[in-house]
């Protein structure tokens, strides 16, 4: 299996898993009924987890900022901050799909001309 296909499979699995877990969690408890920031034992880890997640989102977004034009930068910033890894997996699938046949996977890191 070539590297492009492997990456496509990985990010497809990530996206499907994240969407599935999000939908499942939504059926178990509405997000507005979540007590993670209210109940004392959960509060510290909830804050730490959110800080870690958004730190990762911003780290990934720096690469998106490098690759995208101005309008794309704005759109992807809001998508990544709102949807997190769902948006990131979608971005990667789009980038992998745009990669020309036979191009090295390292071209994913480069800015479009």
PDB file of N, CA and C in Angstrom:
ATOM      1  N   UNK A   1       0.856  -1.177   0.000  1.00  0.00           N
ATOM      2  CA  UNK A   1       0.000   0.000   0.000  1.00  0.00           C
ATOM      3  C   UNK A   1       0.901   1.239   0.000  1.00  0.00           C
ATOM      4  N   UNK A   2       0.603   2.209  -0.860  1.00  0.00           N
ATOM      5  CA  UNK A   2       1.461   3.397  -0.924  1.00  0.00           C
ATOM      6  C   UNK A   2       1.173   4.338   0.244  1.00  0.00           C
ATOM      7  N   UNK A   3       2.128   5.233   0.563  1.00  0.00           N
ATOM      8  CA  UNK A   3       1.974   6.120   1.726  1.00  0.00           C
ATOM      9  C   UNK A   3       0.733   7.015   1.665  1.00  0.00           C
ATOM     10  N   UNK A   4       0.359   7.467   0.479  1.00  0.00           N
ATOM     11  CA  UNK A   4      -0.825   8.317   0.345  1.00  0.00           C
ATOM     12  C   UNK A   4      -2.076   7.548   0.769  1.00  0.00           C
ATOM     13  N   UNK A   5      -2.197   6.308   0.341  1.00  0.00           N
ATOM     14  CA  UNK A   5      -3.342   5.482   0.704  1.00  0.00           C
ATOM     15  C   UNK A   5      -3.364   5.211   2.203  1.00  0.00           C
ATOM     16  N   UNK A   6      -2.207   4.934   2.776  1.00  0.00           N
ATOM     17  CA  UNK A   6      -2.116   4.682   4.220  1.00  0.00           C
ATOM     18  C   UNK A   6      -2.601   5.901   4.995  1.00  0.00           C
ATOM     19  N   UNK A   7      -2.132   7.094   4.609  1.00  0.00           N
ATOM     20  CA  UNK A   7      -2.573   8.314   5.281  1.00  0.00           C
ATOM     21  C   UNK A   7      -4.068   8.535   5.108  1.00  0.00           C
ATOM     22  N   UNK A   8      -4.564   8.259   3.917  1.00  0.00           N
ATOM     23  CA  UNK A   8      -5.997   8.443   3.667  1.00  0.00           C
ATOM     24  C   UNK A   8      -6.820   7.516   4.564  1.00  0.00           C
ATOM     25  N   UNK A   9      -6.379   6.289   4.703  1.00  0.00           N
ATOM     26  CA  UNK A   9      -7.076   5.326   5.566  1.00  0.00           C
ATOM     27  C   UNK A   9      -7.012   5.778   7.029  1.00  0.00           C
ATOM     28  N   UNK A  10      -5.842   6.207   7.473  1.00  0.00           N
ATOM     29  CA  UNK A  10      -5.680   6.651   8.871  1.00  0.00           C
ATOM     30  C   UNK A  10      -6.616   7.810   9.181  1.00  0.00           C
ATOM     31  N   UNK A  11      -6.597   8.857   8.361  1.00  0.00           N
ATOM     32  CA  UNK A  11      -7.422  10.030   8.642  1.00  0.00           C
ATOM     33  C   UNK A  11      -8.906   9.761   8.414  1.00  0.00           C
ATOM     34  N   UNK A  12      -9.248   8.851   7.521  1.00  0.00           N
ATOM     35  CA  UNK A  12     -10.653   8.451   7.376  1.00  0.00           C
ATOM     36  C   UNK A  12     -11.131   7.756   8.642  1.00  0.00           C
ATOM     37  N   UNK A  13     -10.308   6.876   9.185  1.00  0.00           N
ATOM     38  CA  UNK A  13     -10.662   6.180  10.429  1.00  0.00           C
ATOM     39  C   UNK A  13     -10.797   7.165  11.591  1.00  0.00           C
ATOM     40  N   UNK A  14      -9.882   8.125  11.670  1.00  0.00           N
ATOM     41  CA  UNK A  14      -9.962   9.133  12.725  1.00  0.00           C
ATOM     42  C   UNK A  14     -11.269   9.915  12.605  1.00  0.00           C
ATOM     43  N   UNK A  15     -11.577  10.359  11.407  1.00  0.00           N
ATOM     44  CA  UNK A  15     -12.797  11.145  11.202  1.00  0.00           C
ATOM     45  C   UNK A  15     -14.043  10.329  11.534  1.00  0.00           C
ATOM     46  N   UNK A  16     -14.128   9.114  11.041  1.00  0.00           N
ATOM     47  CA  UNK A  16     -15.299   8.268  11.310  1.00  0.00           C
ATOM     48  C   UNK A  16     -15.431   8.001  12.805  1.00  0.00           C
ATOM     49  N   UNK A  17     -14.318   7.716  13.472  1.00  0.00           N
ATOM     50  CA  UNK A  17     -14.346   7.456  14.911  1.00  0.00           C
ATOM     51  C   UNK A  17     -14.806   8.680  15.687  1.00  0.00           C
ATOM     52  N   UNK A  18     -14.247   9.845  15.375  1.00  0.00           N
ATOM     53  CA  UNK A  18     -14.607  11.064  16.099  1.00  0.00           C
ATOM     54  C   UNK A  18     -16.074  11.438  15.898  1.00  0.00           C
ATOM     55  N   UNK A  19     -16.550  11.347  14.682  1.00  0.00           N
ATOM     56  CA  UNK A  19     -17.953  11.667  14.426  1.00  0.00           C
ATOM     57  C   UNK A  19     -18.856  10.662  15.144  1.00  0.00           C
ATOM     58  N   UNK A  20     -18.493   9.392  15.102  1.00  0.00           N
ATOM     59  CA  UNK A  20     -19.297   8.362  15.772  1.00  0.00           C
ATOM     60  C   UNK A  20     -19.350   8.578  17.281  1.00  0.00           C
ATOM     61  N   UNK A  21     -18.197   8.845  17.888  1.00  0.00           N
ATOM     62  CA  UNK A  21     -18.151   9.058  19.339  1.00  0.00           C
ATOM     63  C   UNK A  21     -18.921  10.318  19.721  1.00  0.00           C
ATOM     64  N   UNK A  22     -18.797  11.354  18.917  1.00  0.00           N
ATOM     65  CA  UNK A  22     -19.518  12.597  19.185  1.00  0.00           C
ATOM     66  C   UNK A  22     -21.030  12.371  19.122  1.00  0.00           C
ATOM     67  N   UNK A  23     -21.469  11.663  18.103  1.00  0.00           N
ATOM     68  CA  UNK A  23     -22.902  11.376  17.988  1.00  0.00           C
ATOM     69  C   UNK A  23     -23.379  10.488  19.134  1.00  0.00           C
ATOM     70  N   UNK A  24     -22.596   9.472  19.493  1.00  0.00           N
ATOM     71  CA  UNK A  24     -22.961   8.593  20.607  1.00  0.00           C
ATOM     72  C   UNK A  24     -23.051   9.379  21.911  1.00  0.00           C
ATOM     73  N   UNK A  25     -22.027  10.193  22.200  1.00  0.00           N
ATOM     74  CA  UNK A  25     -22.018  10.975  23.438  1.00  0.00           C
ATOM     75  C   UNK A  25     -23.207  11.929  23.490  1.00  0.00           C
ATOM     76  N   UNK A  26     -23.564  12.490  22.355  1.00  0.00           N
ATOM     77  CA  UNK A  26     -24.706  13.410  22.304  1.00  0.00           C
ATOM     78  C   UNK A  26     -26.016  12.712  22.650  1.00  0.00           C
ATOM     79  N   UNK A  27     -26.111  11.431  22.341  1.00  0.00           N
ATOM     80  CA  UNK A  27     -27.332  10.702  22.687  1.00  0.00           C
ATOM     81  C   UNK A  27     -27.343  10.274  24.153  1.00  0.00           C
ATOM     82  N   UNK A  28     -26.182  10.231  24.790  1.00  0.00           N
ATOM     83  CA  UNK A  28     -26.080   9.821  26.190  1.00  0.00           C
ATOM     84  C   UNK A  28     -26.338  10.985  27.147  1.00  0.00           C
ATOM     85  N   UNK A  29     -25.829  12.151  26.786  1.00  0.00           N
ATOM     86  CA  UNK A  29     -25.967  13.319  27.650  1.00  0.00           C
ATOM     87  C   UNK A  29     -25.800  14.571  26.803  1.00  0.00           C
ATOM     88  N   UNK A  30     -26.738  15.486  26.870  1.00  0.00           N
ATOM     89  CA  UNK A  30     -26.570  16.740  26.128  1.00  0.00           C
ATOM     90  C   UNK A  30     -25.352  17.496  26.653  1.00  0.00           C
ATOM     91  N   UNK A  31     -24.665  18.169  25.777  1.00  0.00           N
ATOM     92  CA  UNK A  31     -23.452  18.881  26.177  1.00  0.00           C
ATOM     93  C   UNK A  31     -23.745  19.915  27.266  1.00  0.00           C
ATOM     94  N   UNK A  32     -24.937  20.511  27.261  1.00  0.00           N
ATOM     95  CA  UNK A  32     -25.286  21.512  28.276  1.00  0.00           C
ATOM     96  C   UNK A  32     -25.562  20.883  29.645  1.00  0.00           C
ATOM     97  N   UNK A  33     -25.688  19.564  29.717  1.00  0.00           N
ATOM     98  CA  UNK A  33     -25.905  18.883  31.001  1.00  0.00           C
ATOM     99  C   UNK A  33     -24.601  18.331  31.581  1.00  0.00           C
ATOM    100  N   UNK A  34     -23.509  18.552  30.894  1.00  0.00           N
ATOM    101  CA  UNK A  34     -22.191  18.079  31.313  1.00  0.00           C
ATOM    102  C   UNK A  34     -21.758  18.843  32.553  1.00  0.00           C
ATOM    103  N   UNK A  35     -21.254  18.145  33.551  1.00  0.00           N
ATOM    104  CA  UNK A  35     -20.861  18.789  34.805  1.00  0.00           C
ATOM    105  C   UNK A  35     -19.345  18.806  35.001  1.00  0.00           C
ATOM    106  N   UNK A  36     -18.618  18.588  33.969  1.00  0.00           N
ATOM    107  CA  UNK A  36     -17.161  18.512  34.079  1.00  0.00           C
ATOM    108  C   UNK A  36     -16.496  19.747  34.652  1.00  0.00           C
ATOM    109  N   UNK A  37     -17.034  20.917  34.403  1.00  0.00           N
ATOM    110  CA  UNK A  37     -16.443  22.147  34.941  1.00  0.00           C
ATOM    111  C   UNK A  37     -17.069  22.555  36.266  1.00  0.00           C
ATOM    112  N   UNK A  38     -18.117  21.848  36.684  1.00  0.00           N
ATOM    113  CA  UNK A  38     -18.829  22.205  37.911  1.00  0.00           C
ATOM    114  C   UNK A  38     -18.456  21.272  39.054  1.00  0.00           C
ATOM    115  N   UNK A  39     -18.452  19.989  38.796  1.00  0.00           N
ATOM    116  CA  UNK A  39     -18.151  19.002  39.836  1.00  0.00           C
ATOM    117  C   UNK A  39     -16.653  19.016  40.110  1.00  0.00           C
ATOM    118  N   UNK A  40     -16.301  19.217  41.362  1.00  0.00           N
ATOM    119  CA  UNK A  40     -14.913  19.420  41.763  1.00  0.00           C
ATOM    120  C   UNK A  40     -13.922  18.357  41.280  1.00  0.00           C
ATOM    121  N   UNK A  41     -14.176  17.049  41.467  1.00  0.00           N
ATOM    122  CA  UNK A  41     -13.163  16.078  41.042  1.00  0.00           C
ATOM    123  C   UNK A  41     -12.887  16.096  39.538  1.00  0.00           C
ATOM    124  N   UNK A  42     -13.864  16.480  38.745  1.00  0.00           N
ATOM    125  CA  UNK A  42     -13.692  16.482  37.291  1.00  0.00           C
ATOM    126  C   UNK A  42     -13.093  17.779  36.763  1.00  0.00           C
ATOM    127  N   UNK A  43     -13.188  18.835  37.533  1.00  0.00           N
ATOM    128  CA  UNK A  43     -12.843  20.162  37.038  1.00  0.00           C
ATOM    129  C   UNK A  43     -11.393  20.280  36.565  1.00  0.00           C
ATOM    130  N   UNK A  44     -10.429  19.885  37.369  1.00  0.00           N
ATOM    131  CA  UNK A  44      -9.013  20.071  37.017  1.00  0.00           C
ATOM    132  C   UNK A  44      -8.643  19.307  35.747  1.00  0.00           C
ATOM    133  N   UNK A  45      -9.075  18.060  35.653  1.00  0.00           N
ATOM    134  CA  UNK A  45      -8.742  17.271  34.472  1.00  0.00           C
ATOM    135  C   UNK A  45      -9.503  17.759  33.250  1.00  0.00           C
ATOM    136  N   UNK A  46     -10.692  18.268  33.455  1.00  0.00           N
ATOM    137  CA  UNK A  46     -11.448  18.822  32.333  1.00  0.00           C
ATOM    138  C   UNK A  46     -10.726  20.030  31.761  1.00  0.00           C
ATOM    139  N   UNK A  47     -10.280  20.923  32.626  1.00  0.00           N
ATOM    140  CA  UNK A  47      -9.555  22.115  32.186  1.00  0.00           C
ATOM    141  C   UNK A  47      -8.245  21.723  31.504  1.00  0.00           C
ATOM    142  N   UNK A  48      -7.524  20.771  32.116  1.00  0.00           N
ATOM    143  CA  UNK A  48      -6.250  20.323  31.535  1.00  0.00           C
ATOM    144  C   UNK A  48      -6.466  19.688  30.161  1.00  0.00           C
ATOM    145  N   UNK A  49      -7.509  18.897  30.038  1.00  0.00           N
ATOM    146  CA  UNK A  49      -7.804  18.237  28.764  1.00  0.00           C
ATOM    147  C   UNK A  49      -8.175  19.254  27.694  1.00  0.00           C
ATOM    148  N   UNK A  50      -8.999  20.235  28.067  1.00  0.00           N
ATOM    149  CA  UNK A  50      -9.371  21.277  27.100  1.00  0.00           C
ATOM    150  C   UNK A  50      -8.163  22.116  26.687  1.00  0.00           C
ATOM    151  N   UNK A  51      -7.311  22.457  27.641  1.00  0.00           N
ATOM    152  CA  UNK A  51      -6.105  23.224  27.316  1.00  0.00           C
ATOM    153  C   UNK A  51      -5.201  22.432  26.373  1.00  0.00           C
ATOM    154  N   UNK A  52      -5.044  21.145  26.650  1.00  0.00           N
ATOM    155  CA  UNK A  52      -4.229  20.288  25.794  1.00  0.00           C
ATOM    156  C   UNK A  52      -4.824  20.194  24.390  1.00  0.00           C
ATOM    157  N   UNK A  53      -6.132  20.003  24.320  1.00  0.00           N
ATOM    158  CA  UNK A  53      -6.794  19.881  23.021  1.00  0.00           C
ATOM    159  C   UNK A  53      -6.638  21.160  22.200  1.00  0.00           C
ATOM    160  N   UNK A  54      -6.925  22.302  22.813  1.00  0.00           N
ATOM    161  CA  UNK A  54      -6.833  23.553  22.054  1.00  0.00           C
ATOM    162  C   UNK A  54      -5.392  23.931  21.731  1.00  0.00           C
ATOM    163  N   UNK A  55      -4.462  23.527  22.575  1.00  0.00           N
ATOM    164  CA  UNK A  55      -3.050  23.707  22.231  1.00  0.00           C
ATOM    165  C   UNK A  55      -2.701  22.915  20.980  1.00  0.00           C
ATOM    166  N   UNK A  56      -3.219  21.697  20.905  1.00  0.00           N
ATOM    167  CA  UNK A  56      -3.013  20.876  19.705  1.00  0.00           C
ATOM    168  C   UNK A  56      -3.692  21.460  18.486  1.00  0.00           C
ATOM    169  N   UNK A  57      -4.907  21.991  18.677  1.00  0.00           N
ATOM    170  CA  UNK A  57      -5.621  22.607  17.555  1.00  0.00           C
ATOM    171  C   UNK A  57      -4.826  23.794  17.003  1.00  0.00           C
ATOM    172  N   UNK A  58      -4.308  24.618  17.900  1.00  0.00           N
ATOM    173  CA  UNK A  58      -3.530  25.791  17.464  1.00  0.00           C
ATOM    174  C   UNK A  58      -2.218  25.380  16.811  1.00  0.00           C
ATOM    175  N   UNK A  59      -1.601  24.325  17.316  1.00  0.00           N
ATOM    176  CA  UNK A  59      -0.368  23.826  16.709  1.00  0.00           C
ATOM    177  C   UNK A  59      -0.636  23.364  15.278  1.00  0.00           C
ATOM    178  N   UNK A  60      -1.688  22.591  15.097  1.00  0.00           N
ATOM    179  CA  UNK A  60      -2.055  22.125  13.758  1.00  0.00           C
ATOM    180  C   UNK A  60      -2.424  23.312  12.874  1.00  0.00           C
ATOM    181  N   UNK A  61      -3.147  24.274  13.454  1.00  0.00           N
ATOM    182  CA  UNK A  61      -3.590  25.427  12.673  1.00  0.00           C
ATOM    183  C   UNK A  61      -2.409  26.243  12.142  1.00  0.00           C
ATOM    184  N   UNK A  62      -1.279  26.271  12.845  1.00  0.00           N
ATOM    185  CA  UNK A  62      -0.128  27.020  12.327  1.00  0.00           C
ATOM    186  C   UNK A  62       0.312  26.468  10.981  1.00  0.00           C
ATOM    187  N   UNK A  63       0.214  25.164  10.819  1.00  0.00           N
ATOM    188  CA  UNK A  63       0.541  24.553   9.526  1.00  0.00           C
ATOM    189  C   UNK A  63      -0.523  24.904   8.486  1.00  0.00           C
ATOM    190  N   UNK A  64      -1.792  24.870   8.889  1.00  0.00           N
ATOM    191  CA  UNK A  64      -2.888  25.240   7.986  1.00  0.00           C
ATOM    192  C   UNK A  64      -2.707  26.691   7.540  1.00  0.00           C
ATOM    193  N   UNK A  65      -2.352  27.566   8.474  1.00  0.00           N
ATOM    194  CA  UNK A  65      -2.119  28.978   8.164  1.00  0.00           C
ATOM    195  C   UNK A  65      -1.038  29.114   7.097  1.00  0.00           C
ATOM    196  N   UNK A  66       0.019  28.333   7.214  1.00  0.00           N
ATOM    197  CA  UNK A  66       1.115  28.349   6.248  1.00  0.00           C
ATOM    198  C   UNK A  66       0.639  27.893   4.865  1.00  0.00           C
ATOM    199  N   UNK A  67      -0.196  26.866   4.826  1.00  0.00           N
ATOM    200  CA  UNK A  67      -0.602  26.270   3.554  1.00  0.00           C
ATOM    201  C   UNK A  67      -1.716  27.020   2.828  1.00  0.00           C
ATOM    202  N   UNK A  68      -2.610  27.660   3.578  1.00  0.00           N
ATOM    203  CA  UNK A  68      -3.823  28.227   2.997  1.00  0.00           C
ATOM    204  C   UNK A  68      -3.674  29.698   2.608  1.00  0.00           C
ATOM    205  N   UNK A  69      -4.545  30.131   1.700  1.00  0.00           N
ATOM    206  CA  UNK A  69      -4.658  31.555   1.388  1.00  0.00           C
ATOM    207  C   UNK A  69      -5.498  32.213   2.483  1.00  0.00           C
ATOM    208  N   UNK A  70      -5.639  33.539   2.442  1.00  0.00           N
ATOM    209  CA  UNK A  70      -6.292  34.287   3.513  1.00  0.00           C
ATOM    210  C   UNK A  70      -7.703  33.777   3.808  1.00  0.00           C
ATOM    211  N   UNK A  71      -8.542  33.618   2.786  1.00  0.00           N
ATOM    212  CA  UNK A  71      -9.923  33.175   3.029  1.00  0.00           C
ATOM    213  C   UNK A  71      -9.946  31.774   3.644  1.00  0.00           C
ATOM    214  N   UNK A  72      -9.091  30.896   3.186  1.00  0.00           N
ATOM    215  CA  UNK A  72      -9.008  29.555   3.743  1.00  0.00           C
ATOM    216  C   UNK A  72      -8.511  29.572   5.181  1.00  0.00           C
ATOM    217  N   UNK A  73      -7.594  30.469   5.471  1.00  0.00           N
ATOM    218  CA  UNK A  73      -7.070  30.587   6.836  1.00  0.00           C
ATOM    219  C   UNK A  73      -8.182  30.921   7.822  1.00  0.00           C
ATOM    220  N   UNK A  74      -9.019  31.850   7.449  1.00  0.00           N
ATOM    221  CA  UNK A  74     -10.112  32.280   8.331  1.00  0.00           C
ATOM    222  C   UNK A  74     -11.117  31.141   8.514  1.00  0.00           C
ATOM    223  N   UNK A  75     -11.532  30.541   7.410  1.00  0.00           N
ATOM    224  CA  UNK A  75     -12.504  29.449   7.472  1.00  0.00           C
ATOM    225  C   UNK A  75     -11.978  28.287   8.309  1.00  0.00           C
ATOM    226  N   UNK A  76     -10.748  27.850   8.025  1.00  0.00           N
ATOM    227  CA  UNK A  76     -10.197  26.700   8.745  1.00  0.00           C
ATOM    228  C   UNK A  76      -9.935  27.014  10.213  1.00  0.00           C
ATOM    229  N   UNK A  77      -9.619  28.262  10.539  1.00  0.00           N
ATOM    230  CA  UNK A  77      -9.447  28.602  11.954  1.00  0.00           C
ATOM    231  C   UNK A  77     -10.742  28.335  12.719  1.00  0.00           C
ATOM    232  N   UNK A  78     -11.847  28.839  12.197  1.00  0.00           N
ATOM    233  CA  UNK A  78     -13.131  28.646  12.876  1.00  0.00           C
ATOM    234  C   UNK A  78     -13.551  27.177  12.889  1.00  0.00           C
ATOM    235  N   UNK A  79     -13.327  26.470  11.793  1.00  0.00           N
ATOM    236  CA  UNK A  79     -13.679  25.049  11.756  1.00  0.00           C
ATOM    237  C   UNK A  79     -12.860  24.245  12.761  1.00  0.00           C
ATOM    238  N   UNK A  80     -11.560  24.502  12.824  1.00  0.00           N
ATOM    239  CA  UNK A  80     -10.693  23.762  13.746  1.00  0.00           C
ATOM    240  C   UNK A  80     -11.035  24.093  15.197  1.00  0.00           C
ATOM    241  N   UNK A  81     -11.260  25.366  15.496  1.00  0.00           N
ATOM    242  CA  UNK A  81     -11.585  25.741  16.883  1.00  0.00           C
ATOM    243  C   UNK A  81     -12.959  25.220  17.311  1.00  0.00           C
ATOM    244  N   UNK A  82     -13.892  25.104  16.362  1.00  0.00           N
ATOM    245  CA  UNK A  82     -15.242  24.639  16.703  1.00  0.00           C
ATOM    246  C   UNK A  82     -15.368  23.112  16.679  1.00  0.00           C
ATOM    247  N   UNK A  83     -14.714  22.485  15.704  1.00  0.00           N
ATOM    248  CA  UNK A  83     -14.892  21.044  15.519  1.00  0.00           C
ATOM    249  C   UNK A  83     -13.662  20.221  15.888  1.00  0.00           C
ATOM    250  N   UNK A  84     -12.557  20.888  16.150  1.00  0.00           N
ATOM    251  CA  UNK A  84     -11.352  20.196  16.583  1.00  0.00           C
ATOM    252  C   UNK A  84     -10.843  19.156  15.605  1.00  0.00           C
ATOM    253  N   UNK A  85     -10.637  17.947  16.122  1.00  0.00           N
ATOM    254  CA  UNK A  85     -10.049  16.878  15.321  1.00  0.00           C
ATOM    255  C   UNK A  85     -10.922  16.445  14.156  1.00  0.00           C
ATOM    256  N   UNK A  86     -12.208  16.688  14.230  1.00  0.00           N
ATOM    257  CA  UNK A  86     -13.085  16.392  13.089  1.00  0.00           C
ATOM    258  C   UNK A  86     -12.675  17.275  11.906  1.00  0.00           C
ATOM    259  N   UNK A  87     -12.481  18.563  12.146  1.00  0.00           N
ATOM    260  CA  UNK A  87     -12.055  19.481  11.085  1.00  0.00           C
ATOM    261  C   UNK A  87     -10.632  19.147  10.630  1.00  0.00           C
ATOM    262  N   UNK A  88      -9.771  18.782  11.566  1.00  0.00           N
ATOM    263  CA  UNK A  88      -8.385  18.471  11.215  1.00  0.00           C
ATOM    264  C   UNK A  88      -8.309  17.235  10.325  1.00  0.00           C
ATOM    265  N   UNK A  89      -9.082  16.199  10.639  1.00  0.00           N
ATOM    266  CA  UNK A  89      -9.103  15.004   9.801  1.00  0.00           C
ATOM    267  C   UNK A  89      -9.683  15.326   8.428  1.00  0.00           C
ATOM    268  N   UNK A  90     -10.703  16.180   8.383  1.00  0.00           N
ATOM    269  CA  UNK A  90     -11.288  16.592   7.111  1.00  0.00           C
ATOM    270  C   UNK A  90     -10.272  17.348   6.270  1.00  0.00           C
ATOM    271  N   UNK A  91      -9.524  18.255   6.904  1.00  0.00           N
ATOM    272  CA  UNK A  91      -8.475  19.003   6.199  1.00  0.00           C
ATOM    273  C   UNK A  91      -7.442  18.040   5.612  1.00  0.00           C
ATOM    274  N   UNK A  92      -7.011  17.063   6.419  1.00  0.00           N
ATOM    275  CA  UNK A  92      -6.012  16.107   5.946  1.00  0.00           C
ATOM    276  C   UNK A  92      -6.544  15.275   4.781  1.00  0.00           C
ATOM    277  N   UNK A  93      -7.793  14.832   4.860  1.00  0.00           N
ATOM    278  CA  UNK A  93      -8.370  14.068   3.755  1.00  0.00           C
ATOM    279  C   UNK A  93      -8.397  14.906   2.481  1.00  0.00           C
ATOM    280  N   UNK A  94      -8.735  16.178   2.613  1.00  0.00           N
ATOM    281  CA  UNK A  94      -8.743  17.077   1.446  1.00  0.00           C
ATOM    282  C   UNK A  94      -7.340  17.207   0.867  1.00  0.00           C
ATOM    283  N   UNK A  95      -6.347  17.388   1.739  1.00  0.00           N
ATOM    284  CA  UNK A  95      -4.969  17.549   1.280  1.00  0.00           C
ATOM    285  C   UNK A  95      -4.444  16.269   0.622  1.00  0.00           C
ATOM    286  N   UNK A  96      -4.775  15.123   1.203  1.00  0.00           N
ATOM    287  CA  UNK A  96      -4.342  13.846   0.625  1.00  0.00           C
ATOM    288  C   UNK A  96      -4.993  13.643  -0.740  1.00  0.00           C
ATOM    289  N   UNK A  97      -6.269  13.981  -0.844  1.00  0.00           N
ATOM    290  CA  UNK A  97      -6.986  13.846  -2.116  1.00  0.00           C
ATOM    291  C   UNK A  97      -6.366  14.754  -3.184  1.00  0.00           C
ATOM    292  N   UNK A  98      -5.880  15.916  -2.801  1.00  0.00           N
ATOM    293  CA  UNK A  98      -5.277  16.865  -3.757  1.00  0.00           C
ATOM    294  C   UNK A  98      -3.872  16.467  -4.188  1.00  0.00           C
ATOM    295  N   UNK A  99      -3.254  15.560  -3.476  1.00  0.00           N
ATOM    296  CA  UNK A  99      -1.895  15.141  -3.785  1.00  0.00           C
ATOM    297  C   UNK A  99      -1.882  14.398  -5.120  1.00  0.00           C
ATOM    298  N   UNK A 100      -1.081  14.865  -6.070  1.00  0.00           N
ATOM    299  CA  UNK A 100      -1.049  14.198  -7.374  1.00  0.00           C
ATOM    300  C   UNK A 100      -0.567  12.752  -7.271  1.00  0.00           C
ATOM    301  N   UNK A 101      -1.049  11.934  -8.171  1.00  0.00           N
ATOM    302  CA  UNK A 101      -0.611  10.532  -8.201  1.00  0.00           C
ATOM    303  C   UNK A 101       0.903  10.480  -8.376  1.00  0.00           C
ATOM    304  N   UNK A 102       1.533   9.657  -7.598  1.00  0.00           N
ATOM    305  CA  UNK A 102       2.981   9.498  -7.691  1.00  0.00           C
ATOM    306  C   UNK A 102       3.783  10.529  -6.923  1.00  0.00           C
ATOM    307  N   UNK A 103       3.129  11.561  -6.402  1.00  0.00           N
ATOM    308  CA  UNK A 103       3.843  12.587  -5.636  1.00  0.00           C
ATOM    309  C   UNK A 103       4.227  12.007  -4.275  1.00  0.00           C
ATOM    310  N   UNK A 104       5.391  12.397  -3.757  1.00  0.00           N
ATOM    311  CA  UNK A 104       5.764  11.905  -2.431  1.00  0.00           C
ATOM    312  C   UNK A 104       4.858  12.497  -1.357  1.00  0.00           C
ATOM    313  N   UNK A 105       4.632  11.723  -0.300  1.00  0.00           N
ATOM    314  CA  UNK A 105       3.775  12.175   0.794  1.00  0.00           C
ATOM    315  C   UNK A 105       4.356  13.440   1.442  1.00  0.00           C
ATOM    316  N   UNK A 106       5.653  13.628   1.355  1.00  0.00           N
ATOM    317  CA  UNK A 106       6.272  14.828   1.914  1.00  0.00           C
ATOM    318  C   UNK A 106       5.723  16.102   1.275  1.00  0.00           C
ATOM    319  N   UNK A 107       5.140  16.000   0.084  1.00  0.00           N
ATOM    320  CA  UNK A 107       4.534  17.164  -0.571  1.00  0.00           C
ATOM    321  C   UNK A 107       3.320  17.678   0.192  1.00  0.00           C
ATOM    322  N   UNK A 108       2.752  16.858   1.073  1.00  0.00           N
ATOM    323  CA  UNK A 108       1.633  17.318   1.907  1.00  0.00           C
ATOM    324  C   UNK A 108       2.032  18.519   2.764  1.00  0.00           C
ATOM    325  N   UNK A 109       3.296  18.580   3.123  1.00  0.00           N
ATOM    326  CA  UNK A 109       3.770  19.654   4.000  1.00  0.00           C
ATOM    327  C   UNK A 109       3.967  20.979   3.275  1.00  0.00           C
ATOM    328  N   UNK A 110       4.040  20.926   1.969  1.00  0.00           N
ATOM    329  CA  UNK A 110       4.364  22.110   1.182  1.00  0.00           C
ATOM    330  C   UNK A 110       3.145  22.980   0.917  1.00  0.00           C
ATOM    331  N   UNK A 111       3.413  24.246   0.721  1.00  0.00           N
ATOM    332  CA  UNK A 111       2.385  25.215   0.361  1.00  0.00           C
ATOM    333  C   UNK A 111       2.048  25.060  -1.122  1.00  0.00           C
ATOM    334  N   UNK A 112       0.761  25.165  -1.448  1.00  0.00           N
ATOM    335  CA  UNK A 112       0.335  25.089  -2.856  1.00  0.00           C
ATOM    336  C   UNK A 112       0.875  26.294  -3.606  1.00  0.00           C
ATOM    337  N   UNK A 113       1.186  26.099  -4.867  1.00  0.00           N
ATOM    338  CA  UNK A 113       1.734  27.194  -5.675  1.00  0.00           C
ATOM    339  C   UNK A 113       0.650  27.976  -6.334  1.00  0.00           C
TER     340      UNK A 113
END
